[in-house]
Amino acid sequence: MLPRIALPLIAALLLAACAAPAAGTPPAQAQPPAAEASSTPLPPSPTPSPTTGQPSDTPTAVPTETPVPTVTPTYVSSMRAKVIVDGRLSCRFGPGAPYLFKFTFPGGVNIELVGRMEHSPNPWVLAQAIGGNNRCWVNGGPEFLETQEDIFSLQPVDPHLVMAWSSYYGPMSNVRAEREGSLVTVSYSGLVLVPERGDESGQVPYVLEAWVCQSGEFVFLALGSYGFSIEVEDEPGCAETSRGRVSAAEKHGYVRFVDVDWPAYGPDD
């Protein structure tokens, strides 16, 4: 049996052995403290500067043309007028002085106008007695007629609307035209009448209807002749195409009109 003093010594040795670390196990390492967030502010992001000379990615708006509205003229079908000439106003079968005479209106009378010749600068207008229907063409200039309305507001009508026609003779022959600068000369062979029939009208026998450019305006002219040629000025500067047609008259009326092969205004004219 062990002595009593040895028991406490053995117990102390056992306790010391249990508290010692196991062989080969490294001692625990102290962990460094966690890094604190820095309070130093970050530098601001640089503002991009515009690049000189570089095209923009923004699409450029392309201007569009605004359509111009088409103005449709408003015409009247008739208006009243007063004949203001001393004596009588001649009324003819066509819109111009060379056409055959039909009858007259006395000065001071009121008449009705029912149409006008388009592009006629005078203008020539289609007239009849008020309430009547026997129509013919008169010069509608302010020295011949007095109106309360604009005479150019009358509706344009066919220049041959009341034309008297001949059924006895055919159309003219050898119709041609030549140009020298702005002067156009239309020539033709004369109408040969039958002498024993007495078909001579006693008035201007040949008439040229011409649509030409003068002073920048496209105008209609009726030109007459007792000879075998007619001259007319036709200048450049109009968008419309110049043209013409020619006819001859006998006492019954006009032969069928013949279109003129109109010479264009060329670079050498």
Foldseek 3Di string as FASTA:
>chain_A
DDDPVVVVVVVVVVVVVVPDDDPPDDDDDDDDDDDDDDPDDDDDDDDDDDDPPDDDPDDDDDDDDDDDDDDDAAADQKFKKAFADAAWFWFAQFFDDQGHTDGTHGHGAMWMWGAWAPQAVQIKTWIDHVVDDPITITRPHPNTIDGPDDPVRHHHDDRNPRFFEDPPDAWWPPWEWDDDAQKIKTFTDDGDDDVVVQFAQPGFFKWKWKFAADPQGTHTDIDTDNDGMDMDGHHDRYPDDIWMWMWTGTNRGIHDIDTYPDDDRDPVD
